[in-house]
Amino acid sequence: MPFLLHRLMQGVLVVFGVTATVFVVTRLAGNPVDLMLPLSATAEQRAAFAAQIGLDQPLPVQFLRFCGDILTLDFGQSMWQRRPAVEVVFERLPNSLLLIGAALGLAVALSLPLGAIAALRPGGLVDRLTTSAGLLGLAMPQFWVGLMAIMVFGVWLKWLPTSSMGTVWHLILPAVTMALAPLARFTMMVRASMIEELNKPYVKTARSKGLGLSVILHRHALRNIMVPFISISGWEMITALSGYTVVVETVFAWPGLGSTAVQAIQKGDLFLMQAIVFIVSGLIVLIGIAMDLLAKTVDPRIELN
């Protein structure tokens, strides 16, 4: 409980700091009114709009008002969507979580057996093929993989839809595209950790007592590598949520939070950008805490501070 309270307090400070930084940067980068109104707007229209949304006040007053709005999740009206910004975020967020969950679920499901099999014979054919495929997966940019997938499976073969969402078939191409890089990292991590575990004395002792290799892998070696695997899985989830989901969602026109963030920036939707940053940073904090608790559950010997 002390750990949870401590991490939650830290998380509140982090979320507030990130959101406040966005507030300051958007004001210092230029007049937000100029970003949110068309170039054809007159000076009178700009002044009236600034007064309407409170941007005519001194910066300290705007910041205090901004802090008060955060407490009630009131980020103002999205100028692009013409409705509350936080409503837009919560509408698009499940789509992003679905895509990330499918991609990382696929990566986890494939990486554990692939990494374990490659570790059984280091330097063997399977190991070399797995390592080469992993390096190739890390080397290929996601936007290029997405475009190639659209061309092959959508344009040439016409097997799968290539944009938007609706059915499970719409999920396949973006999920596989997003899964390639995490799959490569997971597999290489499992391989390296499993090789290290299989060379430890307890494995040799278990083998000498007649335990089968599959029993050793499932009951001992695999369990011992789960803590670092959970850590890297959490990091991949955070990275996807805050980074490369933008690329995949944009390529496949997936209506998630990443593509929404790109559109908000293009349209100068200040309030929507602030809402996205706040919600995403809060989720990242919660994911970090959840991964620590999960690691503690898997290995009670871990001390959480």
C-alpha atoms as a PDB file:
ATOM      1  CA  MET A   1       0.000   0.000   0.000  1.00  0.00           C
ATOM      2  CA  PRO A   2       2.768   2.573   0.785  1.00  0.00           C
ATOM      3  CA  PHE A   3       4.336   1.743  -2.579  1.00  0.00           C
ATOM      4  CA  LEU A   4       1.039   2.285  -4.380  1.00  0.00           C
ATOM      5  CA  LEU A   5       0.365   5.608  -2.668  1.00  0.00           C
ATOM      6  CA  HIS A   6       3.941   6.755  -3.336  1.00  0.00           C
ATOM      7  CA  ARG A   7       3.761   5.845  -7.019  1.00  0.00           C
ATOM      8  CA  LEU A   8       0.338   7.447  -7.422  1.00  0.00           C
ATOM      9  CA  MET A   9       1.625  10.678  -5.886  1.00  0.00           C
ATOM     10  CA  GLN A  10       4.625  10.573  -8.204  1.00  0.00           C
ATOM     11  CA  GLY A  11       2.298   9.874 -11.117  1.00  0.00           C
ATOM     12  CA  VAL A  12       0.115  12.873 -10.334  1.00  0.00           C
ATOM     13  CA  LEU A  13       3.189  15.101 -10.345  1.00  0.00           C
ATOM     14  CA  VAL A  14       4.432  13.616 -13.616  1.00  0.00           C
ATOM     15  CA  VAL A  15       1.073  14.031 -15.363  1.00  0.00           C
ATOM     16  CA  PHE A  16       0.737  17.577 -14.087  1.00  0.00           C
ATOM     17  CA  GLY A  17       4.306  18.413 -15.145  1.00  0.00           C
ATOM     18  CA  VAL A  18       3.847  17.020 -18.658  1.00  0.00           C
ATOM     19  CA  THR A  19       0.515  18.777 -19.148  1.00  0.00           C
ATOM     20  CA  ALA A  20       1.846  22.057 -17.772  1.00  0.00           C
ATOM     21  CA  THR A  21       4.821  21.811 -20.128  1.00  0.00           C
ATOM     22  CA  VAL A  22       2.461  21.440 -23.084  1.00  0.00           C
ATOM     23  CA  PHE A  23       0.512  24.461 -21.830  1.00  0.00           C
ATOM     24  CA  VAL A  24       3.645  26.605 -21.652  1.00  0.00           C
ATOM     25  CA  VAL A  25       5.130  25.392 -24.953  1.00  0.00           C
ATOM     26  CA  THR A  26       1.920  26.011 -26.904  1.00  0.00           C
ATOM     27  CA  ARG A  27       1.790  29.567 -25.573  1.00  0.00           C
ATOM     28  CA  LEU A  28       5.458  30.312 -26.174  1.00  0.00           C
ATOM     29  CA  ALA A  29       5.374  28.852 -29.694  1.00  0.00           C
ATOM     30  CA  GLY A  30       2.993  31.578 -30.808  1.00  0.00           C
ATOM     31  CA  ASN A  31      -0.463  32.974 -30.288  1.00  0.00           C
ATOM     32  CA  PRO A  32      -2.864  29.998 -29.946  1.00  0.00           C
ATOM     33  CA  VAL A  33      -5.624  32.102 -31.471  1.00  0.00           C
ATOM     34  CA  ASP A  34      -3.625  32.323 -34.712  1.00  0.00           C
ATOM     35  CA  LEU A  35      -3.377  28.523 -34.761  1.00  0.00           C
ATOM     36  CA  MET A  36      -7.052  27.929 -34.082  1.00  0.00           C
ATOM     37  CA  LEU A  37      -8.570  30.480 -36.459  1.00  0.00           C
ATOM     38  CA  PRO A  38      -8.220  30.699 -40.254  1.00  0.00           C
ATOM     39  CA  LEU A  39      -5.907  33.274 -41.758  1.00  0.00           C
ATOM     40  CA  SER A  40      -8.914  35.160 -43.115  1.00  0.00           C
ATOM     41  CA  ALA A  41     -10.190  35.981 -39.598  1.00  0.00           C
ATOM     42  CA  THR A  42     -10.259  39.702 -38.813  1.00  0.00           C
ATOM     43  CA  ALA A  43      -8.633  41.333 -35.806  1.00  0.00           C
ATOM     44  CA  GLU A  44     -12.063  41.816 -34.224  1.00  0.00           C
ATOM     45  CA  GLN A  45     -12.892  38.138 -34.681  1.00  0.00           C
ATOM     46  CA  ARG A  46      -9.567  37.126 -33.163  1.00  0.00           C
ATOM     47  CA  ALA A  47     -10.091  39.394 -30.155  1.00  0.00           C
ATOM     48  CA  ALA A  48     -13.642  38.120 -29.614  1.00  0.00           C
ATOM     49  CA  PHE A  49     -12.507  34.507 -29.882  1.00  0.00           C
ATOM     50  CA  ALA A  50      -9.618  35.063 -27.439  1.00  0.00           C
ATOM     51  CA  ALA A  51     -12.026  36.603 -24.927  1.00  0.00           C
ATOM     52  CA  GLN A  52     -14.489  33.750 -25.413  1.00  0.00           C
ATOM     53  CA  ILE A  53     -11.975  31.030 -24.479  1.00  0.00           C
ATOM     54  CA  GLY A  54     -10.040  33.071 -21.921  1.00  0.00           C
ATOM     55  CA  LEU A  55      -6.858  33.591 -23.928  1.00  0.00           C
ATOM     56  CA  ASP A  56      -7.051  37.350 -23.460  1.00  0.00           C
ATOM     57  CA  GLN A  57      -6.098  36.969 -19.788  1.00  0.00           C
ATOM     58  CA  PRO A  58      -2.505  37.195 -18.475  1.00  0.00           C
ATOM     59  CA  LEU A  59      -0.580  33.937 -18.691  1.00  0.00           C
ATOM     60  CA  PRO A  60      -0.589  33.270 -14.890  1.00  0.00           C
ATOM     61  CA  VAL A  61      -4.377  33.665 -14.835  1.00  0.00           C
ATOM     62  CA  GLN A  62      -4.716  31.308 -17.799  1.00  0.00           C
ATOM     63  CA  PHE A  63      -2.530  28.755 -16.054  1.00  0.00           C
ATOM     64  CA  LEU A  64      -4.534  28.856 -12.814  1.00  0.00           C
ATOM     65  CA  ARG A  65      -7.719  28.425 -14.802  1.00  0.00           C
ATOM     66  CA  PHE A  66      -6.084  25.597 -16.714  1.00  0.00           C
ATOM     67  CA  CYS A  67      -5.143  23.824 -13.444  1.00  0.00           C
ATOM     68  CA  GLY A  68      -8.713  24.126 -12.207  1.00  0.00           C
ATOM     69  CA  ASP A  69     -10.051  22.694 -15.462  1.00  0.00           C
ATOM     70  CA  ILE A  70      -7.709  19.690 -15.186  1.00  0.00           C
ATOM     71  CA  LEU A  71      -9.307  18.673 -11.890  1.00  0.00           C
ATOM     72  CA  THR A  72     -12.684  18.371 -13.613  1.00  0.00           C
ATOM     73  CA  LEU A  73     -11.308  16.978 -16.900  1.00  0.00           C
ATOM     74  CA  ASP A  74     -12.625  20.066 -18.655  1.00  0.00           C
ATOM     75  CA  PHE A  75     -10.214  20.828 -21.485  1.00  0.00           C
ATOM     76  CA  GLY A  76     -12.602  23.007 -23.405  1.00  0.00           C
ATOM     77  CA  GLN A  77     -14.317  22.543 -26.731  1.00  0.00           C
ATOM     78  CA  SER A  78     -12.458  20.892 -29.573  1.00  0.00           C
ATOM     79  CA  MET A  79     -12.426  23.459 -32.366  1.00  0.00           C
ATOM     80  CA  TRP A  80     -12.107  20.704 -34.958  1.00  0.00           C
ATOM     81  CA  GLN A  81     -14.762  18.312 -33.640  1.00  0.00           C
ATOM     82  CA  ARG A  82     -17.058  20.990 -32.196  1.00  0.00           C
ATOM     83  CA  ARG A  83     -17.585  19.049 -28.969  1.00  0.00           C
ATOM     84  CA  PRO A  84     -15.764  18.600 -25.632  1.00  0.00           C
ATOM     85  CA  ALA A  85     -12.137  17.598 -26.201  1.00  0.00           C
ATOM     86  CA  VAL A  86     -12.144  14.968 -23.465  1.00  0.00           C
ATOM     87  CA  GLU A  87     -15.167  13.334 -25.119  1.00  0.00           C
ATOM     88  CA  VAL A  88     -13.204  12.963 -28.341  1.00  0.00           C
ATOM     89  CA  VAL A  89     -10.276  11.422 -26.447  1.00  0.00           C
ATOM     90  CA  PHE A  90     -12.392   8.825 -24.656  1.00  0.00           C
ATOM     91  CA  GLU A  91     -14.130   7.970 -27.926  1.00  0.00           C
ATOM     92  CA  ARG A  92     -10.881   7.293 -29.800  1.00  0.00           C
ATOM     93  CA  LEU A  93      -8.845   5.805 -26.931  1.00  0.00           C
ATOM     94  CA  PRO A  94     -10.512   2.324 -26.988  1.00  0.00           C
ATOM     95  CA  ASN A  95      -9.634   2.000 -30.677  1.00  0.00           C
ATOM     96  CA  SER A  96      -5.966   2.600 -29.930  1.00  0.00           C
ATOM     97  CA  LEU A  97      -6.021   0.209 -26.968  1.00  0.00           C
ATOM     98  CA  LEU A  98      -7.614  -2.463 -29.147  1.00  0.00           C
ATOM     99  CA  LEU A  99      -4.890  -2.100 -31.770  1.00  0.00           C
ATOM    100  CA  ILE A 100      -2.066  -2.043 -29.210  1.00  0.00           C
ATOM    101  CA  GLY A 101      -3.531  -5.004 -27.324  1.00  0.00           C
ATOM    102  CA  ALA A 102      -3.870  -7.087 -30.477  1.00  0.00           C
ATOM    103  CA  ALA A 103      -0.342  -6.242 -31.644  1.00  0.00           C
ATOM    104  CA  LEU A 104       1.376  -6.894 -28.318  1.00  0.00           C
ATOM    105  CA  GLY A 105      -0.740  -9.991 -27.688  1.00  0.00           C
ATOM    106  CA  LEU A 106       0.431 -11.407 -31.009  1.00  0.00           C
ATOM    107  CA  ALA A 107       4.036 -10.468 -30.239  1.00  0.00           C
ATOM    108  CA  VAL A 108       3.924 -12.128 -26.806  1.00  0.00           C
ATOM    109  CA  ALA A 109       2.222 -15.288 -28.080  1.00  0.00           C
ATOM    110  CA  LEU A 110       4.838 -15.833 -30.805  1.00  0.00           C
ATOM    111  CA  SER A 111       7.987 -14.607 -29.052  1.00  0.00           C
ATOM    112  CA  LEU A 112       7.917 -16.989 -26.074  1.00  0.00           C
ATOM    113  CA  PRO A 113       8.004 -20.226 -28.102  1.00  0.00           C
ATOM    114  CA  LEU A 114      10.277 -18.780 -30.795  1.00  0.00           C
ATOM    115  CA  GLY A 115      12.814 -17.471 -28.279  1.00  0.00           C
ATOM    116  CA  ALA A 116      12.751 -20.680 -26.240  1.00  0.00           C
ATOM    117  CA  ILE A 117      13.207 -22.917 -29.288  1.00  0.00           C
ATOM    118  CA  ALA A 118      16.085 -20.751 -30.567  1.00  0.00           C
ATOM    119  CA  ALA A 119      17.783 -20.964 -27.156  1.00  0.00           C
ATOM    120  CA  LEU A 120      17.825 -24.764 -27.130  1.00  0.00           C
ATOM    121  CA  ARG A 121      20.599 -24.885 -29.725  1.00  0.00           C
ATOM    122  CA  PRO A 122      22.524 -21.592 -29.808  1.00  0.00           C
ATOM    123  CA  GLY A 123      24.164 -21.145 -33.191  1.00  0.00           C
ATOM    124  CA  GLY A 124      21.956 -23.759 -34.804  1.00  0.00           C
ATOM    125  CA  LEU A 125      19.841 -23.296 -37.892  1.00  0.00           C
ATOM    126  CA  VAL A 126      16.695 -22.290 -36.005  1.00  0.00           C
ATOM    127  CA  ASP A 127      18.666 -19.883 -33.855  1.00  0.00           C
ATOM    128  CA  ARG A 128      20.299 -18.243 -36.865  1.00  0.00           C
ATOM    129  CA  LEU A 129      16.982 -17.941 -38.698  1.00  0.00           C
ATOM    130  CA  THR A 130      15.275 -16.474 -35.633  1.00  0.00           C
ATOM    131  CA  THR A 131      18.051 -13.962 -35.024  1.00  0.00           C
ATOM    132  CA  SER A 132      18.152 -12.905 -38.666  1.00  0.00           C
ATOM    133  CA  ALA A 133      14.378 -12.497 -38.789  1.00  0.00           C
ATOM    134  CA  GLY A 134      14.506 -10.468 -35.570  1.00  0.00           C
ATOM    135  CA  LEU A 135      17.140  -8.109 -36.901  1.00  0.00           C
ATOM    136  CA  LEU A 136      15.158  -7.727 -40.129  1.00  0.00           C
ATOM    137  CA  GLY A 137      12.019  -6.907 -38.145  1.00  0.00           C
ATOM    138  CA  LEU A 138      13.871  -4.212 -36.219  1.00  0.00           C
ATOM    139  CA  ALA A 139      15.439  -2.742 -39.347  1.00  0.00           C
ATOM    140  CA  MET A 140      12.235  -2.255 -41.354  1.00  0.00           C
ATOM    141  CA  PRO A 141      10.420   1.049 -40.650  1.00  0.00           C
ATOM    142  CA  GLN A 142       6.804   0.545 -39.653  1.00  0.00           C
ATOM    143  CA  PHE A 143       5.440   2.982 -42.203  1.00  0.00           C
ATOM    144  CA  TRP A 144       7.202   1.050 -44.979  1.00  0.00           C
ATOM    145  CA  VAL A 145       5.952  -2.296 -43.655  1.00  0.00           C
ATOM    146  CA  GLY A 146       2.430  -0.884 -43.521  1.00  0.00           C
ATOM    147  CA  LEU A 147       2.579   0.432 -47.076  1.00  0.00           C
ATOM    148  CA  MET A 148       3.956  -2.882 -48.364  1.00  0.00           C
ATOM    149  CA  ALA A 149       1.219  -4.778 -46.509  1.00  0.00           C
ATOM    150  CA  ILE A 150      -1.437  -2.558 -48.064  1.00  0.00           C
ATOM    151  CA  MET A 151       0.038  -3.035 -51.536  1.00  0.00           C
ATOM    152  CA  VAL A 152       0.388  -6.821 -51.287  1.00  0.00           C
ATOM    153  CA  PHE A 153      -2.631  -7.933 -49.242  1.00  0.00           C
ATOM    154  CA  GLY A 154      -4.994  -5.104 -50.091  1.00  0.00           C
ATOM    155  CA  VAL A 155      -4.223  -3.999 -53.644  1.00  0.00           C
ATOM    156  CA  TRP A 156      -2.691  -7.039 -55.333  1.00  0.00           C
ATOM    157  CA  LEU A 157      -4.291 -10.000 -53.543  1.00  0.00           C
ATOM    158  CA  LYS A 158      -7.376  -8.141 -52.300  1.00  0.00           C
ATOM    159  CA  TRP A 159      -7.513 -10.362 -49.229  1.00  0.00           C
ATOM    160  CA  LEU A 160      -7.864  -7.760 -46.487  1.00  0.00           C
ATOM    161  CA  PRO A 161      -9.266  -4.244 -46.030  1.00  0.00           C
ATOM    162  CA  THR A 162      -6.596  -1.584 -45.821  1.00  0.00           C
ATOM    163  CA  SER A 163      -8.147   1.310 -43.902  1.00  0.00           C
ATOM    164  CA  SER A 164     -10.491   2.307 -41.102  1.00  0.00           C
ATOM    165  CA  MET A 165     -12.027  -0.257 -38.716  1.00  0.00           C
ATOM    166  CA  GLY A 166     -15.230  -2.238 -38.517  1.00  0.00           C
ATOM    167  CA  THR A 167     -14.584  -5.985 -38.514  1.00  0.00           C
ATOM    168  CA  VAL A 168     -11.797  -8.212 -37.259  1.00  0.00           C
ATOM    169  CA  TRP A 169     -10.414  -8.264 -40.811  1.00  0.00           C
ATOM    170  CA  HIS A 170      -9.716  -4.528 -40.581  1.00  0.00           C
ATOM    171  CA  LEU A 171      -7.544  -5.207 -37.530  1.00  0.00           C
ATOM    172  CA  ILE A 172      -5.215  -7.781 -39.080  1.00  0.00           C
ATOM    173  CA  LEU A 173      -2.908  -5.612 -41.200  1.00  0.00           C
ATOM    174  CA  PRO A 174      -2.347  -2.771 -38.684  1.00  0.00           C
ATOM    175  CA  ALA A 175      -1.939  -5.220 -35.792  1.00  0.00           C
ATOM    176  CA  VAL A 176       0.621  -7.344 -37.644  1.00  0.00           C
ATOM    177  CA  THR A 177       2.483  -4.232 -38.799  1.00  0.00           C
ATOM    178  CA  MET A 178       2.650  -2.906 -35.244  1.00  0.00           C
ATOM    179  CA  ALA A 179       3.606  -6.319 -33.847  1.00  0.00           C
ATOM    180  CA  LEU A 180       6.750  -6.890 -35.943  1.00  0.00           C
ATOM    181  CA  ALA A 181       9.181  -4.705 -33.988  1.00  0.00           C
ATOM    182  CA  PRO A 182       7.980  -5.795 -30.501  1.00  0.00           C
ATOM    183  CA  LEU A 183       7.997  -9.409 -31.672  1.00  0.00           C
ATOM    184  CA  ALA A 184      11.644  -9.078 -32.695  1.00  0.00           C
ATOM    185  CA  ARG A 185      12.635  -7.451 -29.394  1.00  0.00           C
ATOM    186  CA  PHE A 186      10.660  -9.938 -27.308  1.00  0.00           C
ATOM    187  CA  THR A 187      12.088 -12.937 -29.163  1.00  0.00           C
ATOM    188  CA  MET A 188      15.686 -11.789 -28.860  1.00  0.00           C
ATOM    189  CA  MET A 189      15.181 -11.005 -25.168  1.00  0.00           C
ATOM    190  CA  VAL A 190      13.605 -14.431 -24.484  1.00  0.00           C
ATOM    191  CA  ARG A 191      16.384 -16.158 -26.434  1.00  0.00           C
ATOM    192  CA  ALA A 192      19.186 -14.415 -24.540  1.00  0.00           C
ATOM    193  CA  SER A 193      17.552 -14.894 -21.141  1.00  0.00           C
ATOM    194  CA  MET A 194      16.710 -18.520 -21.819  1.00  0.00           C
ATOM    195  CA  ILE A 195      20.271 -19.329 -22.904  1.00  0.00           C
ATOM    196  CA  GLU A 196      21.507 -17.827 -19.644  1.00  0.00           C
ATOM    197  CA  GLU A 197      18.974 -19.806 -17.594  1.00  0.00           C
ATOM    198  CA  LEU A 198      19.699 -23.114 -19.327  1.00  0.00           C
ATOM    199  CA  ASN A 199      23.388 -22.760 -18.471  1.00  0.00           C
ATOM    200  CA  LYS A 200      22.762 -22.316 -14.748  1.00  0.00           C
ATOM    201  CA  PRO A 201      23.626 -25.117 -12.286  1.00  0.00           C
ATOM    202  CA  TYR A 202      20.016 -25.809 -11.247  1.00  0.00           C
ATOM    203  CA  VAL A 203      19.143 -26.803 -14.833  1.00  0.00           C
ATOM    204  CA  LYS A 204      22.061 -29.208 -15.027  1.00  0.00           C
ATOM    205  CA  THR A 205      21.061 -30.671 -11.660  1.00  0.00           C
ATOM    206  CA  ALA A 206      17.467 -31.090 -12.807  1.00  0.00           C
ATOM    207  CA  ARG A 207      18.612 -32.789 -16.005  1.00  0.00           C
ATOM    208  CA  SER A 208      20.847 -35.148 -14.036  1.00  0.00           C
ATOM    209  CA  LYS A 209      17.826 -36.143 -11.924  1.00  0.00           C
ATOM    210  CA  GLY A 210      15.935 -37.144 -15.027  1.00  0.00           C
ATOM    211  CA  LEU A 211      13.606 -34.174 -15.484  1.00  0.00           C
ATOM    212  CA  GLY A 212      12.596 -33.645 -19.084  1.00  0.00           C
ATOM    213  CA  LEU A 213      13.634 -30.503 -20.920  1.00  0.00           C
ATOM    214  CA  SER A 214      10.032 -29.400 -21.455  1.00  0.00           C
ATOM    215  CA  VAL A 215       9.365 -29.611 -17.705  1.00  0.00           C
ATOM    216  CA  ILE A 216      12.475 -27.566 -16.931  1.00  0.00           C
ATOM    217  CA  LEU A 217      11.501 -24.937 -19.493  1.00  0.00           C
ATOM    218  CA  HIS A 218       7.920 -24.520 -18.300  1.00  0.00           C
ATOM    219  CA  ARG A 219       8.325 -24.898 -14.542  1.00  0.00           C
ATOM    220  CA  HIS A 220      11.668 -23.206 -13.992  1.00  0.00           C
ATOM    221  CA  ALA A 221      13.446 -21.389 -16.831  1.00  0.00           C
ATOM    222  CA  LEU A 222      10.408 -19.690 -18.340  1.00  0.00           C
ATOM    223  CA  ARG A 223       9.161 -18.592 -14.931  1.00  0.00           C
ATOM    224  CA  ASN A 224      12.549 -17.073 -14.069  1.00  0.00           C
ATOM    225  CA  ILE A 225      12.590 -14.867 -17.166  1.00  0.00           C
ATOM    226  CA  MET A 226       9.042 -13.568 -16.698  1.00  0.00           C
ATOM    227  CA  VAL A 227      10.021 -10.528 -14.604  1.00  0.00           C
ATOM    228  CA  PRO A 228      12.279  -8.955 -17.268  1.00  0.00           C
ATOM    229  CA  PHE A 229       9.742 -10.034 -19.890  1.00  0.00           C
ATOM    230  CA  ILE A 230       6.981  -8.188 -18.028  1.00  0.00           C
ATOM    231  CA  SER A 231       9.208  -5.107 -17.790  1.00  0.00           C
ATOM    232  CA  ILE A 232       9.943  -5.000 -21.509  1.00  0.00           C
ATOM    233  CA  SER A 233       6.273  -5.691 -22.286  1.00  0.00           C
ATOM    234  CA  GLY A 234       5.258  -2.689 -20.204  1.00  0.00           C
ATOM    235  CA  TRP A 235       7.849  -0.556 -21.934  1.00  0.00           C
ATOM    236  CA  GLU A 236       6.575  -1.658 -25.354  1.00  0.00           C
ATOM    237  CA  MET A 237       3.022  -0.779 -24.337  1.00  0.00           C
ATOM    238  CA  ILE A 238       4.114   2.666 -23.174  1.00  0.00           C
ATOM    239  CA  THR A 239       6.166   3.228 -26.331  1.00  0.00           C
ATOM    240  CA  ALA A 240       3.253   2.189 -28.526  1.00  0.00           C
ATOM    241  CA  LEU A 241       0.791   4.405 -26.705  1.00  0.00           C
ATOM    242  CA  SER A 242       3.037   7.453 -26.765  1.00  0.00           C
ATOM    243  CA  GLY A 243       4.844   6.919 -30.053  1.00  0.00           C
ATOM    244  CA  TYR A 244       4.656   4.458 -32.886  1.00  0.00           C
ATOM    245  CA  THR A 245       0.897   3.905 -32.785  1.00  0.00           C
ATOM    246  CA  VAL A 246       0.770   7.302 -34.519  1.00  0.00           C
ATOM    247  CA  VAL A 247       2.586   5.897 -37.551  1.00  0.00           C
ATOM    248  CA  VAL A 248       0.487   2.742 -37.887  1.00  0.00           C
ATOM    249  CA  GLU A 249      -2.830   4.511 -37.299  1.00  0.00           C
ATOM    250  CA  THR A 250      -1.965   7.160 -39.865  1.00  0.00           C
ATOM    251  CA  VAL A 251      -0.918   4.632 -42.522  1.00  0.00           C
ATOM    252  CA  PHE A 252      -4.069   2.524 -42.094  1.00  0.00           C
ATOM    253  CA  ALA A 253      -6.434   5.446 -41.334  1.00  0.00           C
ATOM    254  CA  TRP A 254      -7.238   3.727 -38.043  1.00  0.00           C
ATOM    255  CA  PRO A 255      -9.495   6.045 -35.989  1.00  0.00           C
ATOM    256  CA  GLY A 256      -7.433   5.934 -32.826  1.00  0.00           C
ATOM    257  CA  LEU A 257      -5.806   8.446 -30.554  1.00  0.00           C
ATOM    258  CA  GLY A 258      -2.554   8.556 -32.530  1.00  0.00           C
ATOM    259  CA  SER A 259      -4.140   9.608 -35.805  1.00  0.00           C
ATOM    260  CA  THR A 260      -6.396  11.994 -33.873  1.00  0.00           C
ATOM    261  CA  ALA A 261      -3.313  13.645 -32.345  1.00  0.00           C
ATOM    262  CA  VAL A 262      -1.813  14.163 -35.807  1.00  0.00           C
ATOM    263  CA  GLN A 263      -5.036  15.729 -37.068  1.00  0.00           C
ATOM    264  CA  ALA A 264      -5.318  17.929 -33.969  1.00  0.00           C
ATOM    265  CA  ILE A 265      -1.801  19.266 -34.581  1.00  0.00           C
ATOM    266  CA  GLN A 266      -2.518  19.873 -38.268  1.00  0.00           C
ATOM    267  CA  LYS A 267      -5.713  21.744 -37.449  1.00  0.00           C
ATOM    268  CA  GLY A 268      -4.230  23.679 -34.535  1.00  0.00           C
ATOM    269  CA  ASP A 269      -6.749  22.211 -32.083  1.00  0.00           C
ATOM    270  CA  LEU A 270      -5.040  23.350 -28.888  1.00  0.00           C
ATOM    271  CA  PHE A 271      -7.624  22.032 -26.440  1.00  0.00           C
ATOM    272  CA  LEU A 272      -7.764  18.593 -28.009  1.00  0.00           C
ATOM    273  CA  MET A 273      -3.964  18.315 -27.959  1.00  0.00           C
ATOM    274  CA  GLN A 274      -3.899  19.187 -24.255  1.00  0.00           C
ATOM    275  CA  ALA A 275      -6.572  16.582 -23.508  1.00  0.00           C
ATOM    276  CA  ILE A 276      -4.681  13.890 -25.428  1.00  0.00           C
ATOM    277  CA  VAL A 277      -1.421  14.626 -23.613  1.00  0.00           C
ATOM    278  CA  PHE A 278      -3.113  14.557 -20.208  1.00  0.00           C
ATOM    279  CA  ILE A 279      -4.999  11.280 -20.752  1.00  0.00           C
ATOM    280  CA  VAL A 280      -2.043   9.493 -22.382  1.00  0.00           C
ATOM    281  CA  SER A 281       0.414  10.558 -19.679  1.00  0.00           C
ATOM    282  CA  GLY A 282      -2.043   9.370 -17.014  1.00  0.00           C
ATOM    283  CA  LEU A 283      -2.359   5.995 -18.746  1.00  0.00           C
ATOM    284  CA  ILE A 284       1.410   5.648 -18.980  1.00  0.00           C
ATOM    285  CA  VAL A 285       1.711   6.180 -15.218  1.00  0.00           C
ATOM    286  CA  LEU A 286      -0.970   3.555 -14.539  1.00  0.00           C
ATOM    287  CA  ILE A 287       0.689   1.060 -16.900  1.00  0.00           C
ATOM    288  CA  GLY A 288       4.002   1.496 -15.097  1.00  0.00           C
ATOM    289  CA  ILE A 289       2.386   0.833 -11.717  1.00  0.00           C
ATOM    290  CA  ALA A 290       0.465  -2.169 -13.069  1.00  0.00           C
ATOM    291  CA  MET A 291       3.638  -3.722 -14.511  1.00  0.00           C
ATOM    292  CA  ASP A 292       5.447  -3.346 -11.172  1.00  0.00           C
ATOM    293  CA  LEU A 293       2.562  -4.996  -9.315  1.00  0.00           C
ATOM    294  CA  LEU A 294       2.406  -7.810 -11.865  1.00  0.00           C
ATOM    295  CA  ALA A 295       6.144  -8.424 -11.524  1.00  0.00           C
ATOM    296  CA  LYS A 296       5.722  -8.558  -7.741  1.00  0.00           C
ATOM    297  CA  THR A 297       2.934 -11.115  -8.155  1.00  0.00           C
ATOM    298  CA  VAL A 298       5.094 -13.301 -10.390  1.00  0.00           C
ATOM    299  CA  ASP A 299       8.143 -13.028  -8.117  1.00  0.00           C
ATOM    300  CA  PRO A 300       7.268 -12.155  -4.479  1.00  0.00           C
ATOM    301  CA  ARG A 301      10.977 -11.651  -3.742  1.00  0.00           C
ATOM    302  CA  ILE A 302      10.923  -8.311  -5.571  1.00  0.00           C
ATOM    303  CA  GLU A 303      10.985  -5.317  -3.234  1.00  0.00           C
ATOM    304  CA  LEU A 304       8.780  -2.426  -4.351  1.00  0.00           C
ATOM    305  CA  ASN A 305       9.965   0.967  -3.113  1.00  0.00           C
END
